[in-house]
Amino acid sequence: MTFLSFDIDTIWLAIGFLGQSLFFMRFFVQWIASEKQGRSVVPDAFWYFSLGGGLVLFSYALWRQDPVFMVGQGMGLLIYSRNLYFIHRKKDDPVETPQTLK
């Protein structure tokens, strides 16, 4: 059956579109959360979709051997990871005082 025979380029193209879809979902999640609260908010899920989409797109960039794409996605991954670190560190801090917010 030729239906199930995909070449490696087609598979990686699908992986690239998967990464783009994950990356798009972050905007969709942020939009819905902001509409619900009536103000601009950035929910935790935004950063998880950013990290997931960024990892998939970084993998795609590695396969394409595109240094511009790799640097762009790599820098983004640092930012997304750092924001998730701050989110989890805040959740581990049982009490927020003015001193802990500095």
PDB file of N, CA and C in Angstrom:
ATOM      1  N   MET A   1       0.843  -1.190   0.000  1.00  0.00           N
ATOM      2  CA  MET A   1       0.000   0.000   0.000  1.00  0.00           C
ATOM      3  C   MET A   1       0.885   1.250   0.000  1.00  0.00           C
ATOM      4  N   THR A   2       0.707   2.083  -0.957  1.00  0.00           N
ATOM      5  CA  THR A   2       1.480   3.315  -1.002  1.00  0.00           C
ATOM      6  C   THR A   2       0.959   4.359  -0.024  1.00  0.00           C
ATOM      7  N   PHE A   3      -0.228   4.153   0.483  1.00  0.00           N
ATOM      8  CA  PHE A   3      -0.806   5.094   1.439  1.00  0.00           C
ATOM      9  C   PHE A   3       0.064   5.213   2.686  1.00  0.00           C
ATOM     10  N   LEU A   4       0.629   4.114   3.146  1.00  0.00           N
ATOM     11  CA  LEU A   4       1.409   4.120   4.376  1.00  0.00           C
ATOM     12  C   LEU A   4       2.896   4.373   4.154  1.00  0.00           C
ATOM     13  N   SER A   5       3.324   4.543   2.930  1.00  0.00           N
ATOM     14  CA  SER A   5       4.748   4.767   2.688  1.00  0.00           C
ATOM     15  C   SER A   5       5.033   6.268   2.596  1.00  0.00           C
ATOM     16  N   PHE A   6       5.609   6.796   3.660  1.00  0.00           N
ATOM     17  CA  PHE A   6       5.987   8.204   3.704  1.00  0.00           C
ATOM     18  C   PHE A   6       7.504   8.286   3.655  1.00  0.00           C
ATOM     19  N   ASP A   7       8.009   9.256   2.922  1.00  0.00           N
ATOM     20  CA  ASP A   7       9.454   9.449   2.955  1.00  0.00           C
ATOM     21  C   ASP A   7       9.812  10.323   4.158  1.00  0.00           C
ATOM     22  N   ILE A   8      11.089  10.376   4.489  1.00  0.00           N
ATOM     23  CA  ILE A   8      11.542  11.087   5.682  1.00  0.00           C
ATOM     24  C   ILE A   8      11.228  12.579   5.602  1.00  0.00           C
ATOM     25  N   ASP A   9      11.269  13.155   4.408  1.00  0.00           N
ATOM     26  CA  ASP A   9      10.946  14.577   4.259  1.00  0.00           C
ATOM     27  C   ASP A   9       9.500  14.869   4.640  1.00  0.00           C
ATOM     28  N   THR A  10       8.596  13.987   4.254  1.00  0.00           N
ATOM     29  CA  THR A  10       7.179  14.166   4.585  1.00  0.00           C
ATOM     30  C   THR A  10       6.956  14.039   6.087  1.00  0.00           C
ATOM     31  N   ILE A  11       7.635  13.100   6.702  1.00  0.00           N
ATOM     32  CA  ILE A  11       7.509  12.920   8.155  1.00  0.00           C
ATOM     33  C   ILE A  11       8.004  14.167   8.882  1.00  0.00           C
ATOM     34  N   TRP A  12       9.163  14.691   8.479  1.00  0.00           N
ATOM     35  CA  TRP A  12       9.693  15.887   9.134  1.00  0.00           C
ATOM     36  C   TRP A  12       8.840  17.119   8.846  1.00  0.00           C
ATOM     37  N   LEU A  13       8.234  17.177   7.690  1.00  0.00           N
ATOM     38  CA  LEU A  13       7.313  18.271   7.397  1.00  0.00           C
ATOM     39  C   LEU A  13       6.123  18.223   8.356  1.00  0.00           C
ATOM     40  N   ALA A  14       5.607  17.028   8.600  1.00  0.00           N
ATOM     41  CA  ALA A  14       4.506  16.863   9.560  1.00  0.00           C
ATOM     42  C   ALA A  14       4.955  17.260  10.964  1.00  0.00           C
ATOM     43  N   ILE A  15       6.179  16.907  11.337  1.00  0.00           N
ATOM     44  CA  ILE A  15       6.711  17.291  12.651  1.00  0.00           C
ATOM     45  C   ILE A  15       6.797  18.812  12.754  1.00  0.00           C
ATOM     46  N   GLY A  16       7.249  19.467  11.685  1.00  0.00           N
ATOM     47  CA  GLY A  16       7.315  20.926  11.672  1.00  0.00           C
ATOM     48  C   GLY A  16       5.946  21.565  11.845  1.00  0.00           C
ATOM     49  N   PHE A  17       4.949  21.029  11.152  1.00  0.00           N
ATOM     50  CA  PHE A  17       3.588  21.554  11.305  1.00  0.00           C
ATOM     51  C   PHE A  17       3.026  21.279  12.698  1.00  0.00           C
ATOM     52  N   LEU A  18       3.387  20.153  13.288  1.00  0.00           N
ATOM     53  CA  LEU A  18       2.979  19.868  14.670  1.00  0.00           C
ATOM     54  C   LEU A  18       3.552  20.928  15.607  1.00  0.00           C
ATOM     55  N   GLY A  19       4.825  21.244  15.447  1.00  0.00           N
ATOM     56  CA  GLY A  19       5.451  22.280  16.268  1.00  0.00           C
ATOM     57  C   GLY A  19       4.769  23.625  16.103  1.00  0.00           C
ATOM     58  N   GLN A  20       4.457  23.983  14.856  1.00  0.00           N
ATOM     59  CA  GLN A  20       3.766  25.245  14.600  1.00  0.00           C
ATOM     60  C   GLN A  20       2.376  25.246  15.235  1.00  0.00           C
ATOM     61  N   SER A  21       1.704  24.104  15.205  1.00  0.00           N
ATOM     62  CA  SER A  21       0.370  23.996  15.812  1.00  0.00           C
ATOM     63  C   SER A  21       0.445  24.186  17.318  1.00  0.00           C
ATOM     64  N   LEU A  22       1.422  23.559  17.952  1.00  0.00           N
ATOM     65  CA  LEU A  22       1.602  23.742  19.397  1.00  0.00           C
ATOM     66  C   LEU A  22       1.905  25.200  19.713  1.00  0.00           C
ATOM     67  N   PHE A  23       2.756  25.801  18.905  1.00  0.00           N
ATOM     68  CA  PHE A  23       3.131  27.188  19.123  1.00  0.00           C
ATOM     69  C   PHE A  23       1.923  28.106  18.943  1.00  0.00           C
ATOM     70  N   PHE A  24       1.062  27.815  17.962  1.00  0.00           N
ATOM     71  CA  PHE A  24      -0.152  28.603  17.761  1.00  0.00           C
ATOM     72  C   PHE A  24      -1.093  28.465  18.952  1.00  0.00           C
ATOM     73  N   MET A  25      -1.174  27.280  19.528  1.00  0.00           N
ATOM     74  CA  MET A  25      -2.102  27.041  20.633  1.00  0.00           C
ATOM     75  C   MET A  25      -1.834  27.959  21.817  1.00  0.00           C
ATOM     76  N   ARG A  26      -0.586  28.381  21.994  1.00  0.00           N
ATOM     77  CA  ARG A  26      -0.281  29.275  23.112  1.00  0.00           C
ATOM     78  C   ARG A  26      -1.045  30.584  22.976  1.00  0.00           C
ATOM     79  N   PHE A  27      -1.170  31.107  21.763  1.00  0.00           N
ATOM     80  CA  PHE A  27      -1.919  32.342  21.550  1.00  0.00           C
ATOM     81  C   PHE A  27      -3.412  32.114  21.761  1.00  0.00           C
ATOM     82  N   PHE A  28      -3.902  30.979  21.317  1.00  0.00           N
ATOM     83  CA  PHE A  28      -5.312  30.642  21.492  1.00  0.00           C
ATOM     84  C   PHE A  28      -5.654  30.536  22.982  1.00  0.00           C
ATOM     85  N   VAL A  29      -4.802  29.853  23.746  1.00  0.00           N
ATOM     86  CA  VAL A  29      -5.016  29.691  25.193  1.00  0.00           C
ATOM     87  C   VAL A  29      -4.985  31.053  25.887  1.00  0.00           C
ATOM     88  N   GLN A  30      -4.041  31.896  25.506  1.00  0.00           N
ATOM     89  CA  GLN A  30      -3.923  33.221  26.115  1.00  0.00           C
ATOM     90  C   GLN A  30      -5.141  34.083  25.784  1.00  0.00           C
ATOM     91  N   TRP A  31      -5.613  33.992  24.563  1.00  0.00           N
ATOM     92  CA  TRP A  31      -6.778  34.759  24.137  1.00  0.00           C
ATOM     93  C   TRP A  31      -8.011  34.347  24.936  1.00  0.00           C
ATOM     94  N   ILE A  32      -8.252  33.045  25.043  1.00  0.00           N
ATOM     95  CA  ILE A  32      -9.426  32.553  25.780  1.00  0.00           C
ATOM     96  C   ILE A  32      -9.350  32.960  27.250  1.00  0.00           C
ATOM     97  N   ALA A  33      -8.176  32.802  27.873  1.00  0.00           N
ATOM     98  CA  ALA A  33      -8.017  33.170  29.286  1.00  0.00           C
ATOM     99  C   ALA A  33      -8.251  34.666  29.484  1.00  0.00           C
ATOM    100  N   SER A  34      -7.768  35.484  28.573  1.00  0.00           N
ATOM    101  CA  SER A  34      -7.959  36.933  28.679  1.00  0.00           C
ATOM    102  C   SER A  34      -9.423  37.314  28.508  1.00  0.00           C
ATOM    103  N   GLU A  35     -10.111  36.672  27.572  1.00  0.00           N
ATOM    104  CA  GLU A  35     -11.536  36.942  27.378  1.00  0.00           C
ATOM    105  C   GLU A  35     -12.331  36.571  28.625  1.00  0.00           C
ATOM    106  N   LYS A  36     -11.996  35.450  29.248  1.00  0.00           N
ATOM    107  CA  LYS A  36     -12.717  35.017  30.453  1.00  0.00           C
ATOM    108  C   LYS A  36     -12.529  35.995  31.602  1.00  0.00           C
ATOM    109  N   GLN A  37     -11.328  36.564  31.731  1.00  0.00           N
ATOM    110  CA  GLN A  37     -11.053  37.466  32.851  1.00  0.00           C
ATOM    111  C   GLN A  37     -11.284  38.933  32.512  1.00  0.00           C
ATOM    112  N   GLY A  38     -11.520  39.224  31.240  1.00  0.00           N
ATOM    113  CA  GLY A  38     -11.777  40.597  30.846  1.00  0.00           C
ATOM    114  C   GLY A  38     -10.549  41.494  30.899  1.00  0.00           C
ATOM    115  N   ARG A  39      -9.378  40.899  30.903  1.00  0.00           N
ATOM    116  CA  ARG A  39      -8.118  41.647  30.905  1.00  0.00           C
ATOM    117  C   ARG A  39      -7.036  40.747  30.327  1.00  0.00           C
ATOM    118  N   SER A  40      -5.924  41.335  29.990  1.00  0.00           N
ATOM    119  CA  SER A  40      -4.835  40.547  29.410  1.00  0.00           C
ATOM    120  C   SER A  40      -4.140  39.720  30.495  1.00  0.00           C
ATOM    121  N   VAL A  41      -4.132  38.408  30.317  1.00  0.00           N
ATOM    122  CA  VAL A  41      -3.458  37.500  31.250  1.00  0.00           C
ATOM    123  C   VAL A  41      -2.631  36.497  30.445  1.00  0.00           C
ATOM    124  N   VAL A  42      -1.627  35.948  31.101  1.00  0.00           N
ATOM    125  CA  VAL A  42      -0.799  34.907  30.486  1.00  0.00           C
ATOM    126  C   VAL A  42      -0.879  33.682  31.396  1.00  0.00           C
ATOM    127  N   PRO A  43      -1.726  32.707  31.042  1.00  0.00           N
ATOM    128  CA  PRO A  43      -1.867  31.520  31.892  1.00  0.00           C
ATOM    129  C   PRO A  43      -0.632  30.622  31.797  1.00  0.00           C
ATOM    130  N   ASP A  44      -0.469  29.748  32.793  1.00  0.00           N
ATOM    131  CA  ASP A  44       0.664  28.816  32.807  1.00  0.00           C
ATOM    132  C   ASP A  44       0.714  27.976  31.532  1.00  0.00           C
ATOM    133  N   ALA A  45      -0.455  27.600  31.017  1.00  0.00           N
ATOM    134  CA  ALA A  45      -0.504  26.762  29.810  1.00  0.00           C
ATOM    135  C   ALA A  45       0.187  27.439  28.627  1.00  0.00           C
ATOM    136  N   PHE A  46       0.187  28.765  28.592  1.00  0.00           N
ATOM    137  CA  PHE A  46       0.872  29.505  27.531  1.00  0.00           C
ATOM    138  C   PHE A  46       2.342  29.105  27.470  1.00  0.00           C
ATOM    139  N   TRP A  47       2.974  29.022  28.643  1.00  0.00           N
ATOM    140  CA  TRP A  47       4.403  28.701  28.687  1.00  0.00           C
ATOM    141  C   TRP A  47       4.655  27.233  28.375  1.00  0.00           C
ATOM    142  N   TYR A  48       3.731  26.347  28.743  1.00  0.00           N
ATOM    143  CA  TYR A  48       3.896  24.930  28.398  1.00  0.00           C
ATOM    144  C   TYR A  48       3.756  24.713  26.885  1.00  0.00           C
ATOM    145  N   PHE A  49       2.787  25.374  26.271  1.00  0.00           N
ATOM    146  CA  PHE A  49       2.656  25.283  24.813  1.00  0.00           C
ATOM    147  C   PHE A  49       3.870  25.907  24.125  1.00  0.00           C
ATOM    148  N   SER A  50       4.384  27.006  24.679  1.00  0.00           N
ATOM    149  CA  SER A  50       5.585  27.629  24.125  1.00  0.00           C
ATOM    150  C   SER A  50       6.761  26.665  24.168  1.00  0.00           C
ATOM    151  N   LEU A  51       6.949  26.022  25.312  1.00  0.00           N
ATOM    152  CA  LEU A  51       8.060  25.084  25.470  1.00  0.00           C
ATOM    153  C   LEU A  51       7.894  23.874  24.558  1.00  0.00           C
ATOM    154  N   GLY A  52       6.696  23.304  24.526  1.00  0.00           N
ATOM    155  CA  GLY A  52       6.448  22.140  23.669  1.00  0.00           C
ATOM    156  C   GLY A  52       6.633  22.463  22.197  1.00  0.00           C
ATOM    157  N   GLY A  53       6.024  23.551  21.755  1.00  0.00           N
ATOM    158  CA  GLY A  53       6.173  23.961  20.361  1.00  0.00           C
ATOM    159  C   GLY A  53       7.608  24.314  20.031  1.00  0.00           C
ATOM    160  N   GLY A  54       8.277  24.995  20.957  1.00  0.00           N
ATOM    161  CA  GLY A  54       9.670  25.369  20.742  1.00  0.00           C
ATOM    162  C   GLY A  54      10.587  24.168  20.625  1.00  0.00           C
ATOM    163  N   LEU A  55      10.357  23.153  21.466  1.00  0.00           N
ATOM    164  CA  LEU A  55      11.179  21.933  21.398  1.00  0.00           C
ATOM    165  C   LEU A  55      10.992  21.207  20.069  1.00  0.00           C
ATOM    166  N   VAL A  56       9.739  21.097  19.641  1.00  0.00           N
ATOM    167  CA  VAL A  56       9.467  20.416  18.372  1.00  0.00           C
ATOM    168  C   VAL A  56      10.061  21.215  17.208  1.00  0.00           C
ATOM    169  N   LEU A  57       9.879  22.535  17.227  1.00  0.00           N
ATOM    170  CA  LEU A  57      10.432  23.362  16.150  1.00  0.00           C
ATOM    171  C   LEU A  57      11.960  23.382  16.175  1.00  0.00           C
ATOM    172  N   PHE A  58      12.553  23.326  17.365  1.00  0.00           N
ATOM    173  CA  PHE A  58      14.014  23.255  17.455  1.00  0.00           C
ATOM    174  C   PHE A  58      14.515  21.948  16.841  1.00  0.00           C
ATOM    175  N   SER A  59      13.806  20.859  17.121  1.00  0.00           N
ATOM    176  CA  SER A  59      14.170  19.571  16.513  1.00  0.00           C
ATOM    177  C   SER A  59      14.073  19.649  14.992  1.00  0.00           C
ATOM    178  N   TYR A  60      13.019  20.272  14.513  1.00  0.00           N
ATOM    179  CA  TYR A  60      12.837  20.448  13.069  1.00  0.00           C
ATOM    180  C   TYR A  60      13.976  21.291  12.481  1.00  0.00           C
ATOM    181  N   ALA A  61      14.363  22.347  13.188  1.00  0.00           N
ATOM    182  CA  ALA A  61      15.458  23.204  12.723  1.00  0.00           C
ATOM    183  C   ALA A  61      16.778  22.440  12.687  1.00  0.00           C
ATOM    184  N   LEU A  62      16.994  21.566  13.672  1.00  0.00           N
ATOM    185  CA  LEU A  62      18.198  20.728  13.667  1.00  0.00           C
ATOM    186  C   LEU A  62      18.219  19.834  12.436  1.00  0.00           C
ATOM    187  N   TRP A  63      17.085  19.218  12.139  1.00  0.00           N
ATOM    188  CA  TRP A  63      17.005  18.340  10.977  1.00  0.00           C
ATOM    189  C   TRP A  63      17.279  19.114   9.687  1.00  0.00           C
ATOM    190  N   ARG A  64      16.756  20.330   9.612  1.00  0.00           N
ATOM    191  CA  ARG A  64      16.972  21.159   8.420  1.00  0.00           C
ATOM    192  C   ARG A  64      18.371  21.768   8.391  1.00  0.00           C
ATOM    193  N   GLN A  65      19.071  21.685   9.507  1.00  0.00           N
ATOM    194  CA  GLN A  65      20.406  22.275   9.657  1.00  0.00           C
ATOM    195  C   GLN A  65      20.377  23.773   9.349  1.00  0.00           C
ATOM    196  N   ASP A  66      19.401  24.438   9.960  1.00  0.00           N
ATOM    197  CA  ASP A  66      19.195  25.873   9.747  1.00  0.00           C
ATOM    198  C   ASP A  66      19.663  26.628  10.992  1.00  0.00           C
ATOM    199  N   PRO A  67      20.856  27.227  10.969  1.00  0.00           N
ATOM    200  CA  PRO A  67      21.385  27.873  12.172  1.00  0.00           C
ATOM    201  C   PRO A  67      20.551  29.068  12.639  1.00  0.00           C
ATOM    202  N   VAL A  68      19.957  29.809  11.721  1.00  0.00           N
ATOM    203  CA  VAL A  68      19.127  30.952  12.115  1.00  0.00           C
ATOM    204  C   VAL A  68      17.911  30.465  12.895  1.00  0.00           C
ATOM    205  N   PHE A  69      17.255  29.449  12.391  1.00  0.00           N
ATOM    206  CA  PHE A  69      16.082  28.846  13.022  1.00  0.00           C
ATOM    207  C   PHE A  69      16.473  28.228  14.376  1.00  0.00           C
ATOM    208  N   MET A  70      17.629  27.563  14.440  1.00  0.00           N
ATOM    209  CA  MET A  70      18.094  26.936  15.685  1.00  0.00           C
ATOM    210  C   MET A  70      18.357  27.975  16.769  1.00  0.00           C
ATOM    211  N   VAL A  71      19.036  29.062  16.411  1.00  0.00           N
ATOM    212  CA  VAL A  71      19.329  30.107  17.395  1.00  0.00           C
ATOM    213  C   VAL A  71      18.038  30.754  17.879  1.00  0.00           C
ATOM    214  N   GLY A  72      17.139  31.055  16.959  1.00  0.00           N
ATOM    215  CA  GLY A  72      15.863  31.670  17.339  1.00  0.00           C
ATOM    216  C   GLY A  72      15.057  30.798  18.283  1.00  0.00           C
ATOM    217  N   GLN A  73      14.907  29.536  17.946  1.00  0.00           N
ATOM    218  CA  GLN A  73      14.146  28.630  18.805  1.00  0.00           C
ATOM    219  C   GLN A  73      14.894  28.339  20.102  1.00  0.00           C
ATOM    220  N   GLY A  74      16.209  28.217  20.017  1.00  0.00           N
ATOM    221  CA  GLY A  74      17.001  27.943  21.218  1.00  0.00           C
ATOM    222  C   GLY A  74      16.888  29.053  22.245  1.00  0.00           C
ATOM    223  N   MET A  75      16.947  30.297  21.803  1.00  0.00           N
ATOM    224  CA  MET A  75      16.802  31.429  22.723  1.00  0.00           C
ATOM    225  C   MET A  75      15.402  31.452  23.329  1.00  0.00           C
ATOM    226  N   GLY A  76      14.411  31.164  22.511  1.00  0.00           N
ATOM    227  CA  GLY A  76      13.045  31.103  23.029  1.00  0.00           C
ATOM    228  C   GLY A  76      12.898  30.032  24.096  1.00  0.00           C
ATOM    229  N   LEU A  77      13.523  28.875  23.888  1.00  0.00           N
ATOM    230  CA  LEU A  77      13.440  27.788  24.868  1.00  0.00           C
ATOM    231  C   LEU A  77      13.994  28.215  26.223  1.00  0.00           C
ATOM    232  N   LEU A  78      15.050  29.016  26.210  1.00  0.00           N
ATOM    233  CA  LEU A  78      15.596  29.522  27.476  1.00  0.00           C
ATOM    234  C   LEU A  78      14.574  30.397  28.197  1.00  0.00           C
ATOM    235  N   ILE A  79      13.913  31.262  27.457  1.00  0.00           N
ATOM    236  CA  ILE A  79      12.919  32.162  28.049  1.00  0.00           C
ATOM    237  C   ILE A  79      11.725  31.378  28.583  1.00  0.00           C
ATOM    238  N   TYR A  80      11.216  30.425  27.799  1.00  0.00           N
ATOM    239  CA  TYR A  80      10.055  29.644  28.234  1.00  0.00           C
ATOM    240  C   TYR A  80      10.391  28.826  29.473  1.00  0.00           C
ATOM    241  N   SER A  81      11.570  28.232  29.483  1.00  0.00           N
ATOM    242  CA  SER A  81      12.000  27.431  30.634  1.00  0.00           C
ATOM    243  C   SER A  81      12.145  28.303  31.874  1.00  0.00           C
ATOM    244  N   ARG A  82      12.710  29.475  31.702  1.00  0.00           N
ATOM    245  CA  ARG A  82      12.904  30.386  32.834  1.00  0.00           C
ATOM    246  C   ARG A  82      11.553  30.818  33.406  1.00  0.00           C
ATOM    247  N   ASN A  83      10.602  31.125  32.562  1.00  0.00           N
ATOM    248  CA  ASN A  83       9.280  31.515  33.056  1.00  0.00           C
ATOM    249  C   ASN A  83       8.605  30.370  33.793  1.00  0.00           C
ATOM    250  N   LEU A  84       8.738  29.147  33.296  1.00  0.00           N
ATOM    251  CA  LEU A  84       8.169  27.996  34.008  1.00  0.00           C
ATOM    252  C   LEU A  84       8.877  27.778  35.337  1.00  0.00           C
ATOM    253  N   TYR A  85      10.173  28.030  35.384  1.00  0.00           N
ATOM    254  CA  TYR A  85      10.913  27.944  36.649  1.00  0.00           C
ATOM    255  C   TYR A  85      10.334  28.933  37.661  1.00  0.00           C
ATOM    256  N   PHE A  86      10.114  30.179  37.234  1.00  0.00           N
ATOM    257  CA  PHE A  86       9.541  31.178  38.131  1.00  0.00           C
ATOM    258  C   PHE A  86       8.146  30.777  38.602  1.00  0.00           C
ATOM    259  N   ILE A  87       7.350  30.225  37.717  1.00  0.00           N
ATOM    260  CA  ILE A  87       5.995  29.799  38.076  1.00  0.00           C
ATOM    261  C   ILE A  87       6.046  28.712  39.139  1.00  0.00           C
ATOM    262  N   HIS A  88       6.904  27.712  38.946  1.00  0.00           N
ATOM    263  CA  HIS A  88       6.981  26.612  39.909  1.00  0.00           C
ATOM    264  C   HIS A  88       7.648  27.037  41.204  1.00  0.00           C
ATOM    265  N   ARG A  89       8.605  27.938  41.134  1.00  0.00           N
ATOM    266  CA  ARG A  89       9.238  28.438  42.354  1.00  0.00           C
ATOM    267  C   ARG A  89       8.220  29.202  43.189  1.00  0.00           C
ATOM    268  N   LYS A  90       7.374  29.978  42.537  1.00  0.00           N
ATOM    269  CA  LYS A  90       6.347  30.740  43.239  1.00  0.00           C
ATOM    270  C   LYS A  90       5.353  29.798  43.914  1.00  0.00           C
ATOM    271  N   LYS A  91       4.987  28.706  43.236  1.00  0.00           N
ATOM    272  CA  LYS A  91       4.044  27.752  43.819  1.00  0.00           C
ATOM    273  C   LYS A  91       4.651  27.014  45.006  1.00  0.00           C
ATOM    274  N   ASP A  92       5.973  26.850  45.014  1.00  0.00           N
ATOM    275  CA  ASP A  92       6.648  26.184  46.128  1.00  0.00           C
ATOM    276  C   ASP A  92       6.797  27.098  47.335  1.00  0.00           C
ATOM    277  N   ASP A  93       6.694  28.426  47.141  1.00  0.00           N
ATOM    278  CA  ASP A  93       6.815  29.396  48.223  1.00  0.00           C
ATOM    279  C   ASP A  93       5.452  29.509  48.900  1.00  0.00           C
ATOM    280  N   PRO A  94       5.311  29.002  50.151  1.00  0.00           N
ATOM    281  CA  PRO A  94       3.984  28.952  50.774  1.00  0.00           C
ATOM    282  C   PRO A  94       3.379  30.318  51.077  1.00  0.00           C
ATOM    283  N   VAL A  95       4.209  31.311  51.378  1.00  0.00           N
ATOM    284  CA  VAL A  95       3.685  32.617  51.753  1.00  0.00           C
ATOM    285  C   VAL A  95       4.433  33.681  50.965  1.00  0.00           C
ATOM    286  N   GLU A  96       3.668  34.557  50.325  1.00  0.00           N
ATOM    287  CA  GLU A  96       4.296  35.678  49.634  1.00  0.00           C
ATOM    288  C   GLU A  96       4.277  36.881  50.556  1.00  0.00           C
ATOM    289  N   THR A  97       5.438  37.400  50.848  1.00  0.00           N
ATOM    290  CA  THR A  97       5.558  38.615  51.642  1.00  0.00           C
ATOM    291  C   THR A  97       6.239  39.657  50.770  1.00  0.00           C
ATOM    292  N   PRO A  98       6.210  40.914  51.178  1.00  0.00           N
ATOM    293  CA  PRO A  98       6.906  41.926  50.375  1.00  0.00           C
ATOM    294  C   PRO A  98       8.385  41.596  50.163  1.00  0.00           C
ATOM    295  N   GLN A  99       9.024  40.921  51.136  1.00  0.00           N
ATOM    296  CA  GLN A  99      10.432  40.565  50.980  1.00  0.00           C
ATOM    297  C   GLN A  99      10.623  39.501  49.901  1.00  0.00           C
ATOM    298  N   THR A 100       9.688  38.551  49.774  1.00  0.00           N
ATOM    299  CA  THR A 100       9.849  37.492  48.775  1.00  0.00           C
ATOM    300  C   THR A 100       9.529  37.989  47.377  1.00  0.00           C
ATOM    301  N   LEU A 101       8.866  39.116  47.267  1.00  0.00           N
ATOM    302  CA  LEU A 101       8.521  39.646  45.956  1.00  0.00           C
ATOM    303  C   LEU A 101       9.634  40.504  45.364  1.00  0.00           C
ATOM    304  N   LYS A 102      10.670  40.794  46.153  1.00  0.00           N
ATOM    305  CA  LYS A 102      11.773  41.633  45.651  1.00  0.00           C
ATOM    306  C   LYS A 102      12.654  40.877  44.712  1.00  0.00           C
TER     307      LYS A 102
END
